[in-house]
Every structure is written in C-alpha cells, then in structure tokens.
Amino acid sequence: QVQPVESGGGLVQPGGSLRLSCTNFGSIFSIYIISWYRQAPGKQRELVASISKGGTTNYVDSVKGRFTIYRDNAWNTVYLQMNSLKPEDTAVYYCNSNDDLWGQGTQVTVSS
C-alpha cells in the first residue's frame, strides 16, 4: 500500500540543519507533485515546499533561502534540506503525495 514515510527529524539548535526524507509515495508513473507540510502546536497545517514531476519547486515565504526541496533521479526519495533553522520551524513535518496521501509525520524541534 502506498503511504509516504518520513524520516530525519530530531532536535537541533537554532542555526543548525536537518535533512528530511520522504519515501514510498508512489511510482514515477503516478506522481505529479510531492509536498512537505508542517503543523506546529495550536496552529493549522501549512504548506512548506513542493516539487512537481517536472521539477518546479515552490516554497512558503518564511523558508525561502533556507529550505530546499529536491529528489533523487529515480523519484524514490524526496528530500527537504533545512538550513539556518529557527525555533519557529518547530513542528511535525508531513510528506504529501499528489495532494492525497499523507505520511505519519516526523518531529522537528529547534531549541537551545
């Protein structure tokens, strides 16, 4: 069964970096967009970044210049490289496939 699986979360100090991975989101023939969302306590889930099958990427303004979404050549894994992390980036990060399938999420905590 296809369900995205996230990994790579953890605790990091402000200014640090993490790389999240998303796998098991479907075959290259069925994918048209993969997205990373996040949800902080007490807040709505928000779109962080997305990458289309054609390679077009989009980012929420708050992460532009700090986060990068990219994939491996075989479309087996989609990554979210997060640099210069801030406490306000603390959230559960979710991978979404084709605006349909959700993973279980991975916790990212930015704290000193």
PDB file of N, CA and C in Angstrom:
ATOM      1  N   GLN A   1       0.848  -1.188   0.000  1.00  0.00           N
ATOM      2  CA  GLN A   1       0.000   0.000   0.000  1.00  0.00           C
ATOM      3  C   GLN A   1       0.879   1.232   0.000  1.00  0.00           C
ATOM      4  N   VAL A   2       0.496   2.207  -0.796  1.00  0.00           N
ATOM      5  CA  VAL A   2       1.288   3.420  -0.886  1.00  0.00           C
ATOM      6  C   VAL A   2       0.921   4.358   0.247  1.00  0.00           C
ATOM      7  N   GLN A   3       1.869   4.675   1.052  1.00  0.00           N
ATOM      8  CA  GLN A   3       1.727   5.718   2.059  1.00  0.00           C
ATOM      9  C   GLN A   3       3.097   6.328   2.283  1.00  0.00           C
ATOM     10  N   PRO A   4       3.210   7.628   2.156  1.00  0.00           N
ATOM     11  CA  PRO A   4       4.516   8.257   2.344  1.00  0.00           C
ATOM     12  C   PRO A   4       5.074   7.965   3.737  1.00  0.00           C
ATOM     13  N   VAL A   5       6.384   7.823   3.794  1.00  0.00           N
ATOM     14  CA  VAL A   5       7.087   7.592   5.047  1.00  0.00           C
ATOM     15  C   VAL A   5       8.156   8.663   5.207  1.00  0.00           C
ATOM     16  N   GLU A   6       8.068   9.412   6.292  1.00  0.00           N
ATOM     17  CA  GLU A   6       9.027  10.475   6.555  1.00  0.00           C
ATOM     18  C   GLU A   6      10.093  10.011   7.543  1.00  0.00           C
ATOM     19  N   SER A   7      11.271  10.584   7.436  1.00  0.00           N
ATOM     20  CA  SER A   7      12.339  10.340   8.399  1.00  0.00           C
ATOM     21  C   SER A   7      13.274  11.541   8.418  1.00  0.00           C
ATOM     22  N   GLY A   8      14.123  11.579   9.445  1.00  0.00           N
ATOM     23  CA  GLY A   8      15.151  12.615   9.504  1.00  0.00           C
ATOM     24  C   GLY A   8      14.902  13.727  10.502  1.00  0.00           C
ATOM     25  N   GLY A   9      13.760  13.701  11.172  1.00  0.00           N
ATOM     26  CA  GLY A   9      13.501  14.730  12.164  1.00  0.00           C
ATOM     27  C   GLY A   9      14.366  14.564  13.397  1.00  0.00           C
ATOM     28  N   GLY A  10      14.297  15.546  14.284  1.00  0.00           N
ATOM     29  CA  GLY A  10      15.071  15.467  15.512  1.00  0.00           C
ATOM     30  C   GLY A  10      15.154  16.807  16.200  1.00  0.00           C
ATOM     31  N   LEU A  11      16.044  16.869  17.172  1.00  0.00           N
ATOM     32  CA  LEU A  11      16.290  18.091  17.934  1.00  0.00           C
ATOM     33  C   LEU A  11      17.561  18.749  17.411  1.00  0.00           C
ATOM     34  N   VAL A  12      17.474  20.025  17.123  1.00  0.00           N
ATOM     35  CA  VAL A  12      18.631  20.752  16.600  1.00  0.00           C
ATOM     36  C   VAL A  12      18.645  22.147  17.211  1.00  0.00           C
ATOM     37  N   GLN A  13      19.831  22.708  17.363  1.00  0.00           N
ATOM     38  CA  GLN A  13      19.944  24.051  17.905  1.00  0.00           C
ATOM     39  C   GLN A  13      19.628  25.096  16.832  1.00  0.00           C
ATOM     40  N   PRO A  14      19.210  26.268  17.241  1.00  0.00           N
ATOM     41  CA  PRO A  14      18.982  27.342  16.259  1.00  0.00           C
ATOM     42  C   PRO A  14      20.228  27.565  15.406  1.00  0.00           C
ATOM     43  N   GLY A  15      20.006  27.750  14.116  1.00  0.00           N
ATOM     44  CA  GLY A  15      21.113  27.891  13.180  1.00  0.00           C
ATOM     45  C   GLY A  15      21.583  26.586  12.584  1.00  0.00           C
ATOM     46  N   GLY A  16      21.110  25.481  13.116  1.00  0.00           N
ATOM     47  CA  GLY A  16      21.536  24.174  12.640  1.00  0.00           C
ATOM     48  C   GLY A  16      20.775  23.720  11.409  1.00  0.00           C
ATOM     49  N   SER A  17      21.072  22.489  11.000  1.00  0.00           N
ATOM     50  CA  SER A  17      20.484  21.933   9.779  1.00  0.00           C
ATOM     51  C   SER A  17      19.938  20.535  10.029  1.00  0.00           C
ATOM     52  N   LEU A  18      18.935  20.179   9.252  1.00  0.00           N
ATOM     53  CA  LEU A  18      18.405  18.833   9.208  1.00  0.00           C
ATOM     54  C   LEU A  18      18.007  18.534   7.774  1.00  0.00           C
ATOM     55  N   ARG A  19      18.016  17.255   7.432  1.00  0.00           N
ATOM     56  CA  ARG A  19      17.501  16.848   6.136  1.00  0.00           C
ATOM     57  C   ARG A  19      16.420  15.796   6.346  1.00  0.00           C
ATOM     58  N   LEU A  20      15.226  16.116   5.888  1.00  0.00           N
ATOM     59  CA  LEU A  20      14.110  15.181   5.967  1.00  0.00           C
ATOM     60  C   LEU A  20      14.031  14.383   4.669  1.00  0.00           C
ATOM     61  N   SER A  21      13.578  13.140   4.794  1.00  0.00           N
ATOM     62  CA  SER A  21      13.407  12.274   3.631  1.00  0.00           C
ATOM     63  C   SER A  21      11.977  11.767   3.576  1.00  0.00           C
ATOM     64  N   CYS A  22      11.480  11.603   2.387  1.00  0.00           N
ATOM     65  CA  CYS A  22      10.146  11.036   2.167  1.00  0.00           C
ATOM     66  C   CYS A  22      10.262   9.932   1.122  1.00  0.00           C
ATOM     67  N   THR A  23       9.792   8.743   1.467  1.00  0.00           N
ATOM     68  CA  THR A  23       9.820   7.606   0.548  1.00  0.00           C
ATOM     69  C   THR A  23       8.440   6.966   0.472  1.00  0.00           C
ATOM     70  N   ASN A  24       8.305   5.964  -0.395  1.00  0.00           N
ATOM     71  CA  ASN A  24       7.064   5.189  -0.521  1.00  0.00           C
ATOM     72  C   ASN A  24       5.854   6.058  -0.855  1.00  0.00           C
ATOM     73  N   PHE A  25       6.043   7.004  -1.748  1.00  0.00           N
ATOM     74  CA  PHE A  25       4.938   7.901  -2.090  1.00  0.00           C
ATOM     75  C   PHE A  25       4.305   7.559  -3.420  1.00  0.00           C
ATOM     76  N   GLY A  26       4.733   6.477  -4.052  1.00  0.00           N
ATOM     77  CA  GLY A  26       4.132   6.085  -5.311  1.00  0.00           C
ATOM     78  C   GLY A  26       5.151   5.949  -6.415  1.00  0.00           C
ATOM     79  N   SER A  27       4.699   5.395  -7.532  1.00  0.00           N
ATOM     80  CA  SER A  27       5.614   5.169  -8.638  1.00  0.00           C
ATOM     81  C   SER A  27       5.785   6.435  -9.462  1.00  0.00           C
ATOM     82  N   ILE A  28       6.869   6.455 -10.212  1.00  0.00           N
ATOM     83  CA  ILE A  28       7.157   7.606 -11.055  1.00  0.00           C
ATOM     84  C   ILE A  28       6.046   7.858 -12.069  1.00  0.00           C
ATOM     85  N   PHE A  29       5.296   6.827 -12.390  1.00  0.00           N
ATOM     86  CA  PHE A  29       4.228   6.959 -13.393  1.00  0.00           C
ATOM     87  C   PHE A  29       2.978   7.615 -12.817  1.00  0.00           C
ATOM     88  N   SER A  30       2.839   7.588 -11.478  1.00  0.00           N
ATOM     89  CA  SER A  30       1.621   8.119 -10.869  1.00  0.00           C
ATOM     90  C   SER A  30       1.823   9.471 -10.198  1.00  0.00           C
ATOM     91  N   ILE A  31       3.060   9.841  -9.982  1.00  0.00           N
ATOM     92  CA  ILE A  31       3.344  11.080  -9.245  1.00  0.00           C
ATOM     93  C   ILE A  31       3.141  12.299 -10.130  1.00  0.00           C
ATOM     94  N   TYR A  32       2.537  13.353  -9.554  1.00  0.00           N
ATOM     95  CA  TYR A  32       2.599  14.644 -10.235  1.00  0.00           C
ATOM     96  C   TYR A  32       3.098  15.756  -9.314  1.00  0.00           C
ATOM     97  N   ILE A  33       2.975  15.557  -7.997  1.00  0.00           N
ATOM     98  CA  ILE A  33       3.536  16.552  -7.091  1.00  0.00           C
ATOM     99  C   ILE A  33       3.769  15.913  -5.725  1.00  0.00           C
ATOM    100  N   ILE A  34       4.864  16.260  -5.094  1.00  0.00           N
ATOM    101  CA  ILE A  34       5.180  15.854  -3.728  1.00  0.00           C
ATOM    102  C   ILE A  34       5.401  17.123  -2.911  1.00  0.00           C
ATOM    103  N   SER A  35       4.784  17.142  -1.738  1.00  0.00           N
ATOM    104  CA  SER A  35       4.837  18.350  -0.917  1.00  0.00           C
ATOM    105  C   SER A  35       5.244  18.027   0.507  1.00  0.00           C
ATOM    106  N   TRP A  36       5.865  18.981   1.143  1.00  0.00           N
ATOM    107  CA  TRP A  36       6.130  18.942   2.587  1.00  0.00           C
ATOM    108  C   TRP A  36       5.238  19.980   3.259  1.00  0.00           C
ATOM    109  N   TYR A  37       4.525  19.538   4.281  1.00  0.00           N
ATOM    110  CA  TYR A  37       3.719  20.399   5.123  1.00  0.00           C
ATOM    111  C   TYR A  37       4.289  20.346   6.542  1.00  0.00           C
ATOM    112  N   ARG A  38       3.863  21.278   7.359  1.00  0.00           N
ATOM    113  CA  ARG A  38       4.208  21.229   8.772  1.00  0.00           C
ATOM    114  C   ARG A  38       3.050  21.746   9.607  1.00  0.00           C
ATOM    115  N   GLN A  39       2.997  21.257  10.828  1.00  0.00           N
ATOM    116  CA  GLN A  39       1.972  21.693  11.764  1.00  0.00           C
ATOM    117  C   GLN A  39       2.588  21.880  13.139  1.00  0.00           C
ATOM    118  N   ALA A  40       2.551  23.104  13.604  1.00  0.00           N
ATOM    119  CA  ALA A  40       3.043  23.422  14.945  1.00  0.00           C
ATOM    120  C   ALA A  40       1.885  23.314  15.928  1.00  0.00           C
ATOM    121  N   PRO A  41       2.180  23.113  17.209  1.00  0.00           N
ATOM    122  CA  PRO A  41       1.117  23.001  18.209  1.00  0.00           C
ATOM    123  C   PRO A  41       0.195  24.214  18.183  1.00  0.00           C
ATOM    124  N   GLY A  42      -1.105  23.951  18.114  1.00  0.00           N
ATOM    125  CA  GLY A  42      -2.080  25.020  18.144  1.00  0.00           C
ATOM    126  C   GLY A  42      -2.247  25.782  16.842  1.00  0.00           C
ATOM    127  N   LYS A  43      -1.554  25.333  15.799  1.00  0.00           N
ATOM    128  CA  LYS A  43      -1.627  26.028  14.516  1.00  0.00           C
ATOM    129  C   LYS A  43      -2.137  25.095  13.426  1.00  0.00           C
ATOM    130  N   GLN A  44      -2.595  25.707  12.336  1.00  0.00           N
ATOM    131  CA  GLN A  44      -3.050  24.923  11.201  1.00  0.00           C
ATOM    132  C   GLN A  44      -1.863  24.365  10.434  1.00  0.00           C
ATOM    133  N   ARG A  45      -2.114  23.257   9.753  1.00  0.00           N
ATOM    134  CA  ARG A  45      -1.083  22.688   8.901  1.00  0.00           C
ATOM    135  C   ARG A  45      -0.834  23.633   7.727  1.00  0.00           C
ATOM    136  N   GLU A  46       0.440  23.861   7.420  1.00  0.00           N
ATOM    137  CA  GLU A  46       0.767  24.765   6.325  1.00  0.00           C
ATOM    138  C   GLU A  46       1.702  24.100   5.330  1.00  0.00           C
ATOM    139  N   LEU A  47       1.550  24.500   4.080  1.00  0.00           N
ATOM    140  CA  LEU A  47       2.429  24.013   3.028  1.00  0.00           C
ATOM    141  C   LEU A  47       3.789  24.691   3.151  1.00  0.00           C
ATOM    142  N   VAL A  48       4.841  23.892   3.179  1.00  0.00           N
ATOM    143  CA  VAL A  48       6.197  24.416   3.315  1.00  0.00           C
ATOM    144  C   VAL A  48       6.895  24.480   1.957  1.00  0.00           C
ATOM    145  N   ALA A  49       6.827  23.375   1.213  1.00  0.00           N
ATOM    146  CA  ALA A  49       7.516  23.307  -0.075  1.00  0.00           C
ATOM    147  C   ALA A  49       6.904  22.203  -0.913  1.00  0.00           C
ATOM    148  N   SER A  50       7.029  22.335  -2.225  1.00  0.00           N
ATOM    149  CA  SER A  50       6.534  21.297  -3.116  1.00  0.00           C
ATOM    150  C   SER A  50       7.440  21.190  -4.328  1.00  0.00           C
ATOM    151  N   ILE A  51       7.402  20.012  -4.946  1.00  0.00           N
ATOM    152  CA  ILE A  51       8.150  19.778  -6.173  1.00  0.00           C
ATOM    153  C   ILE A  51       7.267  18.983  -7.124  1.00  0.00           C
ATOM    154  N   SER A  52       7.149  19.475  -8.350  1.00  0.00           N
ATOM    155  CA  SER A  52       6.315  18.792  -9.328  1.00  0.00           C
ATOM    156  C   SER A  52       7.125  17.748 -10.082  1.00  0.00           C
ATOM    157  N   LYS A  53       6.442  16.921 -10.833  1.00  0.00           N
ATOM    158  CA  LYS A  53       7.130  15.902 -11.613  1.00  0.00           C
ATOM    159  C   LYS A  53       8.092  16.542 -12.604  1.00  0.00           C
ATOM    160  N   GLY A  54       7.737  17.721 -13.071  1.00  0.00           N
ATOM    161  CA  GLY A  54       8.599  18.427 -14.000  1.00  0.00           C
ATOM    162  C   GLY A  54       9.751  19.163 -13.347  1.00  0.00           C
ATOM    163  N   GLY A  55       9.762  19.152 -12.009  1.00  0.00           N
ATOM    164  CA  GLY A  55      10.877  19.761 -11.290  1.00  0.00           C
ATOM    165  C   GLY A  55      10.615  21.159 -10.762  1.00  0.00           C
ATOM    166  N   THR A  56       9.422  21.688 -11.001  1.00  0.00           N
ATOM    167  CA  THR A  56       9.113  23.018 -10.481  1.00  0.00           C
ATOM    168  C   THR A  56       8.972  22.967  -8.969  1.00  0.00           C
ATOM    169  N   THR A  57       9.631  23.908  -8.294  1.00  0.00           N
ATOM    170  CA  THR A  57       9.574  23.950  -6.831  1.00  0.00           C
ATOM    171  C   THR A  57       8.895  25.232  -6.365  1.00  0.00           C
ATOM    172  N   ASN A  58       8.260  25.126  -5.221  1.00  0.00           N
ATOM    173  CA  ASN A  58       7.624  26.280  -4.589  1.00  0.00           C
ATOM    174  C   ASN A  58       7.862  26.221  -3.094  1.00  0.00           C
ATOM    175  N   TYR A  59       7.963  27.394  -2.475  1.00  0.00           N
ATOM    176  CA  TYR A  59       8.239  27.484  -1.047  1.00  0.00           C
ATOM    177  C   TYR A  59       7.354  28.551  -0.405  1.00  0.00           C
ATOM    178  N   VAL A  60       7.005  28.308   0.847  1.00  0.00           N
ATOM    179  CA  VAL A  60       6.361  29.358   1.615  1.00  0.00           C
ATOM    180  C   VAL A  60       7.410  30.429   1.896  1.00  0.00           C
ATOM    181  N   ASP A  61       6.990  31.681   1.966  1.00  0.00           N
ATOM    182  CA  ASP A  61       7.937  32.787   2.095  1.00  0.00           C
ATOM    183  C   ASP A  61       8.863  32.630   3.289  1.00  0.00           C
ATOM    184  N   SER A  62       8.364  32.091   4.383  1.00  0.00           N
ATOM    185  CA  SER A  62       9.144  32.031   5.615  1.00  0.00           C
ATOM    186  C   SER A  62      10.357  31.098   5.534  1.00  0.00           C
ATOM    187  N   VAL A  63      10.405  30.233   4.523  1.00  0.00           N
ATOM    188  CA  VAL A  63      11.532  29.308   4.419  1.00  0.00           C
ATOM    189  C   VAL A  63      12.393  29.550   3.183  1.00  0.00           C
ATOM    190  N   LYS A  64      12.001  30.485   2.336  1.00  0.00           N
ATOM    191  CA  LYS A  64      12.767  30.754   1.115  1.00  0.00           C
ATOM    192  C   LYS A  64      14.199  31.155   1.460  1.00  0.00           C
ATOM    193  N   GLY A  65      15.142  30.552   0.763  1.00  0.00           N
ATOM    194  CA  GLY A  65      16.543  30.818   1.021  1.00  0.00           C
ATOM    195  C   GLY A  65      17.141  29.956   2.107  1.00  0.00           C
ATOM    196  N   ARG A  66      16.318  29.240   2.855  1.00  0.00           N
ATOM    197  CA  ARG A  66      16.815  28.366   3.930  1.00  0.00           C
ATOM    198  C   ARG A  66      16.534  26.892   3.656  1.00  0.00           C
ATOM    199  N   PHE A  67      15.388  26.602   3.052  1.00  0.00           N
ATOM    200  CA  PHE A  67      14.986  25.216   2.788  1.00  0.00           C
ATOM    201  C   PHE A  67      15.095  24.930   1.297  1.00  0.00           C
ATOM    202  N   THR A  68      15.421  23.686   0.971  1.00  0.00           N
ATOM    203  CA  THR A  68      15.479  23.243  -0.414  1.00  0.00           C
ATOM    204  C   THR A  68      14.799  21.888  -0.534  1.00  0.00           C
ATOM    205  N   ILE A  69      13.877  21.785  -1.470  1.00  0.00           N
ATOM    206  CA  ILE A  69      13.234  20.506  -1.748  1.00  0.00           C
ATOM    207  C   ILE A  69      13.841  19.954  -3.030  1.00  0.00           C
ATOM    208  N   TYR A  70      14.168  18.669  -3.016  1.00  0.00           N
ATOM    209  CA  TYR A  70      14.739  18.050  -4.206  1.00  0.00           C
ATOM    210  C   TYR A  70      14.499  16.546  -4.138  1.00  0.00           C
ATOM    211  N   ARG A  71      14.761  15.880  -5.225  1.00  0.00           N
ATOM    212  CA  ARG A  71      14.501  14.441  -5.319  1.00  0.00           C
ATOM    213  C   ARG A  71      15.718  13.714  -5.874  1.00  0.00           C
ATOM    214  N   ASP A  72      15.736  12.417  -5.685  1.00  0.00           N
ATOM    215  CA  ASP A  72      16.774  11.645  -6.352  1.00  0.00           C
ATOM    216  C   ASP A  72      16.336  11.376  -7.789  1.00  0.00           C
ATOM    217  N   ASN A  73      17.242  10.898  -8.604  1.00  0.00           N
ATOM    218  CA  ASN A  73      16.963  10.767 -10.033  1.00  0.00           C
ATOM    219  C   ASN A  73      15.858   9.778 -10.336  1.00  0.00           C
ATOM    220  N   ALA A  74      15.700   8.783  -9.495  1.00  0.00           N
ATOM    221  CA  ALA A  74      14.723   7.727  -9.754  1.00  0.00           C
ATOM    222  C   ALA A  74      13.362   8.015  -9.141  1.00  0.00           C
ATOM    223  N   TRP A  75      13.215   9.176  -8.548  1.00  0.00           N
ATOM    224  CA  TRP A  75      11.966   9.504  -7.854  1.00  0.00           C
ATOM    225  C   TRP A  75      11.658   8.464  -6.769  1.00  0.00           C
ATOM    226  N   ASN A  76      12.691   7.999  -6.075  1.00  0.00           N
ATOM    227  CA  ASN A  76      12.476   7.119  -4.932  1.00  0.00           C
ATOM    228  C   ASN A  76      12.363   7.884  -3.623  1.00  0.00           C
ATOM    229  N   THR A  77      13.039   9.007  -3.557  1.00  0.00           N
ATOM    230  CA  THR A  77      13.076   9.782  -2.325  1.00  0.00           C
ATOM    231  C   THR A  77      12.988  11.264  -2.653  1.00  0.00           C
ATOM    232  N   VAL A  78      12.207  11.965  -1.862  1.00  0.00           N
ATOM    233  CA  VAL A  78      12.159  13.427  -1.926  1.00  0.00           C
ATOM    234  C   VAL A  78      12.688  13.955  -0.610  1.00  0.00           C
ATOM    235  N   TYR A  79      13.582  14.912  -0.707  1.00  0.00           N
ATOM    236  CA  TYR A  79      14.257  15.449   0.472  1.00  0.00           C
ATOM    237  C   TYR A  79      13.807  16.883   0.752  1.00  0.00           C
ATOM    238  N   LEU A  80      13.908  17.253   2.012  1.00  0.00           N
ATOM    239  CA  LEU A  80      13.756  18.651   2.399  1.00  0.00           C
ATOM    240  C   LEU A  80      14.992  19.007   3.221  1.00  0.00           C
ATOM    241  N   GLN A  81      15.896  19.732   2.602  1.00  0.00           N
ATOM    242  CA  GLN A  81      17.096  20.209   3.293  1.00  0.00           C
ATOM    243  C   GLN A  81      16.744  21.502   4.009  1.00  0.00           C
ATOM    244  N   MET A  82      16.941  21.520   5.304  1.00  0.00           N
ATOM    245  CA  MET A  82      16.574  22.676   6.115  1.00  0.00           C
ATOM    246  C   MET A  82      17.821  23.231   6.776  1.00  0.00           C
ATOM    247  N   ASN A  83      18.169  24.439   6.421  1.00  0.00           N
ATOM    248  CA  ASN A  83      19.335  25.124   6.974  1.00  0.00           C
ATOM    249  C   ASN A  83      18.904  26.351   7.766  1.00  0.00           C
ATOM    250  N   SER A  84      19.817  26.864   8.562  1.00  0.00           N
ATOM    251  CA  SER A  84      19.547  28.074   9.362  1.00  0.00           C
ATOM    252  C   SER A  84      18.223  27.955  10.102  1.00  0.00           C
ATOM    253  N   LEU A  85      18.035  26.844  10.758  1.00  0.00           N
ATOM    254  CA  LEU A  85      16.763  26.576  11.427  1.00  0.00           C
ATOM    255  C   LEU A  85      16.511  27.549  12.561  1.00  0.00           C
ATOM    256  N   LYS A  86      15.238  27.871  12.731  1.00  0.00           N
ATOM    257  CA  LYS A  86      14.791  28.801  13.766  1.00  0.00           C
ATOM    258  C   LYS A  86      13.807  28.097  14.688  1.00  0.00           C
ATOM    259  N   PRO A  87      13.658  28.592  15.910  1.00  0.00           N
ATOM    260  CA  PRO A  87      12.680  27.975  16.811  1.00  0.00           C
ATOM    261  C   PRO A  87      11.282  27.918  16.202  1.00  0.00           C
ATOM    262  N   GLU A  88      10.925  28.875  15.388  1.00  0.00           N
ATOM    263  CA  GLU A  88       9.594  28.878  14.781  1.00  0.00           C
ATOM    264  C   GLU A  88       9.426  27.826  13.697  1.00  0.00           C
ATOM    265  N   ASP A  89      10.490  27.130  13.346  1.00  0.00           N
ATOM    266  CA  ASP A  89      10.385  25.998  12.422  1.00  0.00           C
ATOM    267  C   ASP A  89       9.967  24.716  13.150  1.00  0.00           C
ATOM    268  N   THR A  90       9.903  24.773  14.461  1.00  0.00           N
ATOM    269  CA  THR A  90       9.496  23.605  15.240  1.00  0.00           C
ATOM    270  C   THR A  90       8.085  23.178  14.868  1.00  0.00           C
ATOM    271  N   ALA A  91       7.925  21.926  14.495  1.00  0.00           N
ATOM    272  CA  ALA A  91       6.634  21.414  14.038  1.00  0.00           C
ATOM    273  C   ALA A  91       6.776  19.934  13.710  1.00  0.00           C
ATOM    274  N   VAL A  92       5.639  19.309  13.475  1.00  0.00           N
ATOM    275  CA  VAL A  92       5.642  17.991  12.855  1.00  0.00           C
ATOM    276  C   VAL A  92       5.587  18.210  11.347  1.00  0.00           C
ATOM    277  N   TYR A  93       6.505  17.596  10.645  1.00  0.00           N
ATOM    278  CA  TYR A  93       6.606  17.757   9.191  1.00  0.00           C
ATOM    279  C   TYR A  93       6.024  16.518   8.516  1.00  0.00           C
ATOM    280  N   TYR A  94       5.158  16.775   7.542  1.00  0.00           N
ATOM    281  CA  TYR A  94       4.463  15.702   6.839  1.00  0.00           C
ATOM    282  C   TYR A  94       4.793  15.732   5.355  1.00  0.00           C
ATOM    283  N   CYS A  95       4.894  14.562   4.787  1.00  0.00           N
ATOM    284  CA  CYS A  95       5.041  14.425   3.349  1.00  0.00           C
ATOM    285  C   CYS A  95       3.673  14.110   2.741  1.00  0.00           C
ATOM    286  N   ASN A  96       3.380  14.728   1.621  1.00  0.00           N
ATOM    287  CA  ASN A  96       2.100  14.526   0.958  1.00  0.00           C
ATOM    288  C   ASN A  96       2.343  14.194  -0.505  1.00  0.00           C
ATOM    289  N   SER A  97       1.636  13.165  -0.973  1.00  0.00           N
ATOM    290  CA  SER A  97       1.771  12.726  -2.352  1.00  0.00           C
ATOM    291  C   SER A  97       0.519  13.076  -3.148  1.00  0.00           C
ATOM    292  N   ASN A  98       0.695  13.820  -4.205  1.00  0.00           N
ATOM    293  CA  ASN A  98      -0.401  14.140  -5.125  1.00  0.00           C
ATOM    294  C   ASN A  98      -1.604  14.772  -4.433  1.00  0.00           C
ATOM    295  N   ASP A  99      -1.358  15.569  -3.414  1.00  0.00           N
ATOM    296  CA  ASP A  99      -2.438  16.245  -2.678  1.00  0.00           C
ATOM    297  C   ASP A  99      -3.460  15.242  -2.143  1.00  0.00           C
ATOM    298  N   ASP A 100      -2.981  14.031  -1.842  1.00  0.00           N
ATOM    299  CA  ASP A 100      -3.911  12.963  -1.472  1.00  0.00           C
ATOM    300  C   ASP A 100      -3.421  12.144  -0.284  1.00  0.00           C
ATOM    301  N   LEU A 101      -2.242  11.557  -0.406  1.00  0.00           N
ATOM    302  CA  LEU A 101      -1.751  10.626   0.608  1.00  0.00           C
ATOM    303  C   LEU A 101      -0.821  11.331   1.594  1.00  0.00           C
ATOM    304  N   TRP A 102      -1.013  11.037   2.870  1.00  0.00           N
ATOM    305  CA  TRP A 102      -0.226  11.650   3.935  1.00  0.00           C
ATOM    306  C   TRP A 102       0.617  10.608   4.650  1.00  0.00           C
ATOM    307  N   GLY A 103       1.814  11.047   5.069  1.00  0.00           N
ATOM    308  CA  GLY A 103       2.620  10.230   5.946  1.00  0.00           C
ATOM    309  C   GLY A 103       2.241  10.479   7.395  1.00  0.00           C
ATOM    310  N   GLN A 104       2.950   9.796   8.299  1.00  0.00           N
ATOM    311  CA  GLN A 104       2.659   9.921   9.728  1.00  0.00           C
ATOM    312  C   GLN A 104       3.325  11.138  10.342  1.00  0.00           C
ATOM    313  N   GLY A 105       4.298  11.676   9.673  1.00  0.00           N
ATOM    314  CA  GLY A 105       4.963  12.865  10.180  1.00  0.00           C
ATOM    315  C   GLY A 105       6.245  12.561  10.929  1.00  0.00           C
ATOM    316  N   THR A 106       7.120  13.560  10.961  1.00  0.00           N
ATOM    317  CA  THR A 106       8.366  13.469  11.726  1.00  0.00           C
ATOM    318  C   THR A 106       8.556  14.781  12.477  1.00  0.00           C
ATOM    319  N   GLN A 107       8.913  14.668  13.751  1.00  0.00           N
ATOM    320  CA  GLN A 107       9.009  15.845  14.612  1.00  0.00           C
ATOM    321  C   GLN A 107      10.338  16.556  14.388  1.00  0.00           C
ATOM    322  N   VAL A 108      10.260  17.858  14.208  1.00  0.00           N
ATOM    323  CA  VAL A 108      11.445  18.719  14.153  1.00  0.00           C
ATOM    324  C   VAL A 108      11.336  19.720  15.290  1.00  0.00           C
ATOM    325  N   THR A 109      12.343  19.736  16.150  1.00  0.00           N
ATOM    326  CA  THR A 109      12.374  20.662  17.273  1.00  0.00           C
ATOM    327  C   THR A 109      13.644  21.485  17.197  1.00  0.00           C
ATOM    328  N   VAL A 110      13.481  22.792  17.167  1.00  0.00           N
ATOM    329  CA  VAL A 110      14.627  23.702  17.118  1.00  0.00           C
ATOM    330  C   VAL A 110      14.675  24.453  18.442  1.00  0.00           C
ATOM    331  N   SER A 111      15.675  24.130  19.224  1.00  0.00           N
ATOM    332  CA  SER A 111      15.755  24.696  20.563  1.00  0.00           C
ATOM    333  C   SER A 111      17.188  24.641  21.070  1.00  0.00           C
ATOM    334  N   SER A 112      17.537  25.626  21.892  1.00  0.00           N
ATOM    335  CA  SER A 112      18.853  25.607  22.525  1.00  0.00           C
ATOM    336  C   SER A 112      18.769  24.963  23.903  1.00  0.00           C
TER     337      SER A 112
END
